[in-house]
Amino acid sequence: MSLPKKLHVKQGDTVMVISGKDAGKVGKVQSALPREGKIVVEGVNMVTRHVRPRNASEQGGRIEREGAIYASKVMLYCDKCKKPTRISKQTLADGTKVRVCKKCGETFAK
């Protein structure tokens, strides 16, 4: 059994897809799956699920929803410089650690 990988993005981060069929799309991370090394991004990698009605009042059919993609296919997106970026980690004077955009120096919220 391998230990879970540490992902470079967190739930709620804005990311840009850099490779694959959805390259160039920007969206928020809905959930992170560190054991698989994957994330779910809103509006990216849409898959069709065929669902059966669970009870008489519910309707079945085909539902489109987001599928998981590998976290290595995305980069954190900086809203200030409007570009995908790498991050560095800095410690502030009060001792808190923050993630910082390498291109413009903007800090990302925790």
N, C-alpha and C. Protein backbone atom coordinates (compact mmCIF):
# COMPACT_ATOMS: atom_id res chain seq x y z
N MET A 1 0.84 -1.18 0.00
CA MET A 1 0.00 0.00 0.00
C MET A 1 0.89 1.24 0.00
N SER A 2 0.64 2.14 -0.95
CA SER A 2 1.43 3.36 -1.00
C SER A 2 0.72 4.48 -0.25
N LEU A 3 1.49 5.41 0.23
CA LEU A 3 0.93 6.54 0.95
C LEU A 3 0.27 7.50 -0.04
N PRO A 4 -0.73 8.26 0.41
CA PRO A 4 -1.37 9.22 -0.49
C PRO A 4 -0.38 10.30 -0.95
N LYS A 5 -0.52 10.69 -2.21
CA LYS A 5 0.35 11.73 -2.75
C LYS A 5 -0.14 13.09 -2.27
N LYS A 6 0.77 14.03 -2.14
CA LYS A 6 0.39 15.39 -1.79
C LYS A 6 0.15 16.14 -3.09
N LEU A 7 -1.04 16.69 -3.22
CA LEU A 7 -1.40 17.41 -4.43
C LEU A 7 -0.99 18.87 -4.32
N HIS A 8 -0.67 19.48 -5.45
CA HIS A 8 -0.26 20.89 -5.46
C HIS A 8 -1.45 21.85 -5.51
N VAL A 9 -2.66 21.32 -5.64
CA VAL A 9 -3.87 22.15 -5.62
C VAL A 9 -4.80 21.65 -4.54
N LYS A 10 -5.66 22.55 -4.07
CA LYS A 10 -6.60 22.20 -3.00
C LYS A 10 -8.02 22.43 -3.48
N GLN A 11 -8.97 21.91 -2.74
CA GLN A 11 -10.38 22.13 -3.05
C GLN A 11 -10.68 23.62 -2.97
N GLY A 12 -11.35 24.16 -3.99
CA GLY A 12 -11.68 25.57 -4.02
C GLY A 12 -10.71 26.42 -4.82
N ASP A 13 -9.53 25.88 -5.18
CA ASP A 13 -8.57 26.62 -6.00
C ASP A 13 -9.09 26.78 -7.42
N THR A 14 -8.70 27.87 -8.07
CA THR A 14 -8.99 28.06 -9.49
C THR A 14 -7.80 27.53 -10.27
N VAL A 15 -8.06 26.63 -11.22
CA VAL A 15 -6.99 26.00 -11.99
C VAL A 15 -7.26 26.12 -13.48
N MET A 16 -6.18 25.95 -14.28
CA MET A 16 -6.30 25.90 -15.73
C MET A 16 -5.78 24.55 -16.20
N VAL A 17 -6.53 23.89 -17.09
CA VAL A 17 -6.10 22.61 -17.65
C VAL A 17 -5.05 22.91 -18.72
N ILE A 18 -3.89 22.24 -18.64
CA ILE A 18 -2.80 22.54 -19.56
C ILE A 18 -2.60 21.48 -20.62
N SER A 19 -3.25 20.31 -20.51
CA SER A 19 -3.11 19.29 -21.55
C SER A 19 -4.37 18.45 -21.63
N GLY A 20 -4.54 17.80 -22.77
CA GLY A 20 -5.71 16.95 -22.97
C GLY A 20 -6.79 17.66 -23.76
N LYS A 21 -7.96 17.02 -23.86
CA LYS A 21 -9.05 17.55 -24.69
C LYS A 21 -9.63 18.85 -24.14
N ASP A 22 -9.47 19.11 -22.86
CA ASP A 22 -10.02 20.32 -22.24
C ASP A 22 -8.94 21.38 -21.98
N ALA A 23 -7.83 21.32 -22.70
CA ALA A 23 -6.73 22.26 -22.48
C ALA A 23 -7.20 23.70 -22.67
N GLY A 24 -6.81 24.57 -21.74
CA GLY A 24 -7.18 25.98 -21.81
C GLY A 24 -8.39 26.35 -20.98
N LYS A 25 -9.14 25.36 -20.50
CA LYS A 25 -10.33 25.65 -19.69
C LYS A 25 -9.92 26.01 -18.27
N VAL A 26 -10.66 26.94 -17.68
CA VAL A 26 -10.41 27.38 -16.31
C VAL A 26 -11.62 27.02 -15.47
N GLY A 27 -11.39 26.48 -14.26
CA GLY A 27 -12.49 26.13 -13.38
C GLY A 27 -12.02 25.95 -11.95
N LYS A 28 -12.98 25.81 -11.04
CA LYS A 28 -12.67 25.61 -9.62
C LYS A 28 -12.57 24.11 -9.33
N VAL A 29 -11.67 23.76 -8.41
CA VAL A 29 -11.52 22.37 -7.98
C VAL A 29 -12.67 22.05 -7.04
N GLN A 30 -13.51 21.06 -7.42
CA GLN A 30 -14.64 20.68 -6.59
C GLN A 30 -14.24 19.68 -5.52
N SER A 31 -13.37 18.73 -5.89
CA SER A 31 -12.90 17.76 -4.90
C SER A 31 -11.53 17.25 -5.31
N ALA A 32 -10.78 16.79 -4.33
CA ALA A 32 -9.44 16.25 -4.55
C ALA A 32 -9.41 14.79 -4.11
N LEU A 33 -8.77 13.95 -4.91
CA LEU A 33 -8.65 12.52 -4.60
C LEU A 33 -7.16 12.18 -4.53
N PRO A 34 -6.50 12.46 -3.40
CA PRO A 34 -5.05 12.30 -3.33
C PRO A 34 -4.55 10.87 -3.50
N ARG A 35 -5.33 9.88 -3.11
CA ARG A 35 -4.89 8.49 -3.27
C ARG A 35 -4.72 8.12 -4.74
N GLU A 36 -5.59 8.67 -5.60
CA GLU A 36 -5.49 8.40 -7.04
C GLU A 36 -4.66 9.45 -7.76
N GLY A 37 -4.35 10.57 -7.08
CA GLY A 37 -3.62 11.65 -7.73
C GLY A 37 -4.50 12.42 -8.70
N LYS A 38 -5.81 12.45 -8.44
CA LYS A 38 -6.76 13.09 -9.35
C LYS A 38 -7.55 14.17 -8.64
N ILE A 39 -8.16 15.05 -9.45
CA ILE A 39 -9.05 16.09 -8.95
C ILE A 39 -10.27 16.18 -9.85
N VAL A 40 -11.34 16.78 -9.34
CA VAL A 40 -12.54 17.03 -10.12
C VAL A 40 -12.66 18.55 -10.26
N VAL A 41 -12.70 19.03 -11.52
CA VAL A 41 -12.78 20.46 -11.82
C VAL A 41 -14.12 20.74 -12.48
N GLU A 42 -14.81 21.79 -12.04
CA GLU A 42 -16.13 22.09 -12.59
C GLU A 42 -16.04 22.48 -14.06
N GLY A 43 -16.90 21.85 -14.88
CA GLY A 43 -16.96 22.13 -16.31
C GLY A 43 -15.89 21.46 -17.15
N VAL A 44 -15.08 20.59 -16.56
CA VAL A 44 -13.99 19.93 -17.27
C VAL A 44 -14.19 18.42 -17.25
N ASN A 45 -13.87 17.75 -18.37
CA ASN A 45 -13.97 16.29 -18.50
C ASN A 45 -15.39 15.81 -18.22
N MET A 46 -16.35 16.37 -18.94
CA MET A 46 -17.75 16.00 -18.76
C MET A 46 -17.98 14.58 -19.29
N VAL A 47 -18.59 13.74 -18.46
CA VAL A 47 -18.91 12.36 -18.83
C VAL A 47 -20.40 12.14 -18.67
N THR A 48 -20.95 11.23 -19.47
CA THR A 48 -22.38 10.93 -19.41
C THR A 48 -22.59 9.69 -18.56
N ARG A 49 -23.43 9.80 -17.56
CA ARG A 49 -23.78 8.67 -16.70
C ARG A 49 -25.22 8.28 -16.99
N HIS A 50 -25.45 6.99 -17.15
CA HIS A 50 -26.80 6.48 -17.36
C HIS A 50 -27.33 6.04 -16.00
N VAL A 51 -28.35 6.71 -15.52
CA VAL A 51 -28.87 6.41 -14.18
C VAL A 51 -30.28 5.83 -14.29
N ARG A 52 -30.55 4.92 -13.40
CA ARG A 52 -31.84 4.26 -13.31
C ARG A 52 -32.64 4.95 -12.21
N PRO A 53 -33.94 5.12 -12.38
CA PRO A 53 -34.72 5.73 -11.29
C PRO A 53 -34.71 4.84 -10.05
N ARG A 54 -34.43 5.43 -8.88
CA ARG A 54 -34.35 4.66 -7.64
C ARG A 54 -35.72 4.41 -7.03
N ASN A 55 -36.67 5.31 -7.29
CA ASN A 55 -38.04 5.07 -6.81
C ASN A 55 -39.01 5.58 -7.88
N ALA A 56 -40.29 5.40 -7.65
CA ALA A 56 -41.29 5.72 -8.68
C ALA A 56 -41.35 7.22 -9.00
N SER A 57 -41.06 8.07 -8.03
CA SER A 57 -41.16 9.51 -8.26
C SER A 57 -39.91 10.10 -8.92
N GLU A 58 -38.82 9.35 -8.95
CA GLU A 58 -37.57 9.85 -9.51
C GLU A 58 -37.48 9.48 -10.99
N GLN A 59 -36.86 10.37 -11.77
CA GLN A 59 -36.73 10.13 -13.19
C GLN A 59 -35.32 9.64 -13.51
N GLY A 60 -35.20 8.65 -14.37
CA GLY A 60 -33.91 8.15 -14.80
C GLY A 60 -33.48 8.85 -16.07
N GLY A 61 -32.38 8.42 -16.66
CA GLY A 61 -31.92 8.99 -17.92
C GLY A 61 -30.42 9.19 -17.94
N ARG A 62 -29.99 10.03 -18.85
CA ARG A 62 -28.56 10.32 -18.98
C ARG A 62 -28.25 11.65 -18.31
N ILE A 63 -27.23 11.64 -17.46
CA ILE A 63 -26.84 12.83 -16.71
C ILE A 63 -25.38 13.13 -17.05
N GLU A 64 -25.09 14.38 -17.39
CA GLU A 64 -23.71 14.80 -17.62
C GLU A 64 -23.14 15.36 -16.34
N ARG A 65 -21.95 14.89 -15.97
CA ARG A 65 -21.28 15.43 -14.78
C ARG A 65 -19.78 15.39 -14.99
N GLU A 66 -19.05 16.04 -14.10
CA GLU A 66 -17.61 16.12 -14.23
C GLU A 66 -16.96 14.81 -13.83
N GLY A 67 -15.94 14.41 -14.59
CA GLY A 67 -15.14 13.24 -14.24
C GLY A 67 -13.81 13.71 -13.67
N ALA A 68 -13.10 12.81 -13.01
CA ALA A 68 -11.81 13.15 -12.41
C ALA A 68 -10.72 13.20 -13.48
N ILE A 69 -9.77 14.11 -13.31
CA ILE A 69 -8.60 14.19 -14.18
C ILE A 69 -7.35 14.17 -13.30
N TYR A 70 -6.22 13.79 -13.90
CA TYR A 70 -4.99 13.76 -13.15
C TYR A 70 -4.57 15.18 -12.76
N ALA A 71 -4.11 15.33 -11.54
CA ALA A 71 -3.73 16.65 -11.03
C ALA A 71 -2.52 17.22 -11.78
N SER A 72 -1.72 16.35 -12.40
CA SER A 72 -0.55 16.83 -13.15
C SER A 72 -0.95 17.56 -14.43
N LYS A 73 -2.21 17.45 -14.84
CA LYS A 73 -2.68 18.12 -16.06
C LYS A 73 -3.16 19.54 -15.81
N VAL A 74 -3.10 20.01 -14.57
CA VAL A 74 -3.58 21.36 -14.27
C VAL A 74 -2.50 22.19 -13.59
N MET A 75 -2.62 23.51 -13.74
CA MET A 75 -1.77 24.45 -13.03
C MET A 75 -2.66 25.43 -12.30
N LEU A 76 -2.19 25.91 -11.18
CA LEU A 76 -2.92 26.92 -10.43
C LEU A 76 -3.04 28.18 -11.28
N TYR A 77 -4.22 28.81 -11.27
CA TYR A 77 -4.49 29.98 -12.11
C TYR A 77 -4.53 31.22 -11.24
N CYS A 78 -3.71 32.20 -11.59
CA CYS A 78 -3.65 33.45 -10.83
C CYS A 78 -4.66 34.43 -11.42
N ASP A 79 -5.58 34.92 -10.59
CA ASP A 79 -6.60 35.86 -11.05
C ASP A 79 -6.02 37.25 -11.32
N LYS A 80 -4.90 37.58 -10.68
CA LYS A 80 -4.32 38.91 -10.87
C LYS A 80 -3.62 39.02 -12.22
N CYS A 81 -2.74 38.06 -12.53
CA CYS A 81 -2.01 38.13 -13.80
C CYS A 81 -2.69 37.35 -14.92
N LYS A 82 -3.81 36.68 -14.63
CA LYS A 82 -4.62 35.96 -15.61
C LYS A 82 -3.82 34.91 -16.39
N LYS A 83 -2.93 34.20 -15.68
CA LYS A 83 -2.11 33.17 -16.30
C LYS A 83 -1.98 31.99 -15.36
N PRO A 84 -1.73 30.79 -15.92
CA PRO A 84 -1.41 29.66 -15.05
C PRO A 84 -0.01 29.87 -14.47
N THR A 85 0.19 29.46 -13.24
CA THR A 85 1.46 29.75 -12.58
C THR A 85 1.88 28.63 -11.65
N ARG A 86 3.18 28.61 -11.37
CA ARG A 86 3.69 27.76 -10.30
C ARG A 86 3.61 28.57 -9.02
N ILE A 87 3.74 27.89 -7.89
CA ILE A 87 3.65 28.61 -6.63
C ILE A 87 4.92 28.41 -5.82
N SER A 88 5.19 29.39 -4.97
CA SER A 88 6.23 29.23 -3.96
C SER A 88 5.56 29.42 -2.62
N LYS A 89 6.20 28.93 -1.59
CA LYS A 89 5.63 29.07 -0.25
C LYS A 89 6.51 30.01 0.55
N GLN A 90 5.87 30.97 1.19
CA GLN A 90 6.60 31.93 2.01
C GLN A 90 6.00 31.96 3.40
N THR A 91 6.83 32.31 4.38
CA THR A 91 6.38 32.46 5.75
C THR A 91 6.30 33.95 6.05
N LEU A 92 5.13 34.38 6.51
CA LEU A 92 4.93 35.79 6.85
C LEU A 92 5.56 36.10 8.21
N ALA A 93 5.58 37.37 8.57
CA ALA A 93 6.20 37.81 9.83
C ALA A 93 5.51 37.20 11.04
N ASP A 94 4.18 36.96 10.94
CA ASP A 94 3.47 36.38 12.08
C ASP A 94 3.58 34.86 12.14
N GLY A 95 4.32 34.25 11.21
CA GLY A 95 4.57 32.81 11.26
C GLY A 95 3.64 31.97 10.40
N THR A 96 2.67 32.58 9.73
CA THR A 96 1.76 31.79 8.88
C THR A 96 2.40 31.57 7.52
N LYS A 97 2.17 30.38 6.96
CA LYS A 97 2.70 30.04 5.64
C LYS A 97 1.64 30.33 4.60
N VAL A 98 2.05 30.96 3.50
CA VAL A 98 1.12 31.28 2.41
C VAL A 98 1.72 30.80 1.09
N ARG A 99 0.83 30.57 0.12
CA ARG A 99 1.25 30.22 -1.24
C ARG A 99 1.29 31.51 -2.06
N VAL A 100 2.35 31.68 -2.84
CA VAL A 100 2.57 32.93 -3.57
C VAL A 100 2.78 32.62 -5.05
N CYS A 101 2.18 33.45 -5.92
CA CYS A 101 2.34 33.33 -7.38
C CYS A 101 3.79 33.66 -7.74
N LYS A 102 4.42 32.80 -8.54
CA LYS A 102 5.82 33.02 -8.94
C LYS A 102 5.95 34.17 -9.93
N LYS A 103 4.87 34.48 -10.67
CA LYS A 103 4.96 35.50 -11.72
C LYS A 103 4.72 36.91 -11.20
N CYS A 104 3.70 37.08 -10.33
CA CYS A 104 3.35 38.44 -9.92
C CYS A 104 3.46 38.68 -8.42
N GLY A 105 3.63 37.64 -7.62
CA GLY A 105 3.79 37.81 -6.18
C GLY A 105 2.49 37.84 -5.40
N GLU A 106 1.35 37.62 -6.07
CA GLU A 106 0.04 37.62 -5.41
C GLU A 106 -0.06 36.40 -4.48
N THR A 107 -0.64 36.58 -3.30
CA THR A 107 -0.83 35.45 -2.38
C THR A 107 -2.17 34.79 -2.64
N PHE A 108 -2.21 33.48 -2.47
CA PHE A 108 -3.44 32.71 -2.63
C PHE A 108 -4.04 32.46 -1.26
N ALA A 109 -5.37 32.56 -1.18
CA ALA A 109 -6.06 32.33 0.09
C ALA A 109 -5.94 30.88 0.49
N LYS A 110 -5.92 30.62 1.78
CA LYS A 110 -5.83 29.24 2.29
C LYS A 110 -7.07 28.47 1.97
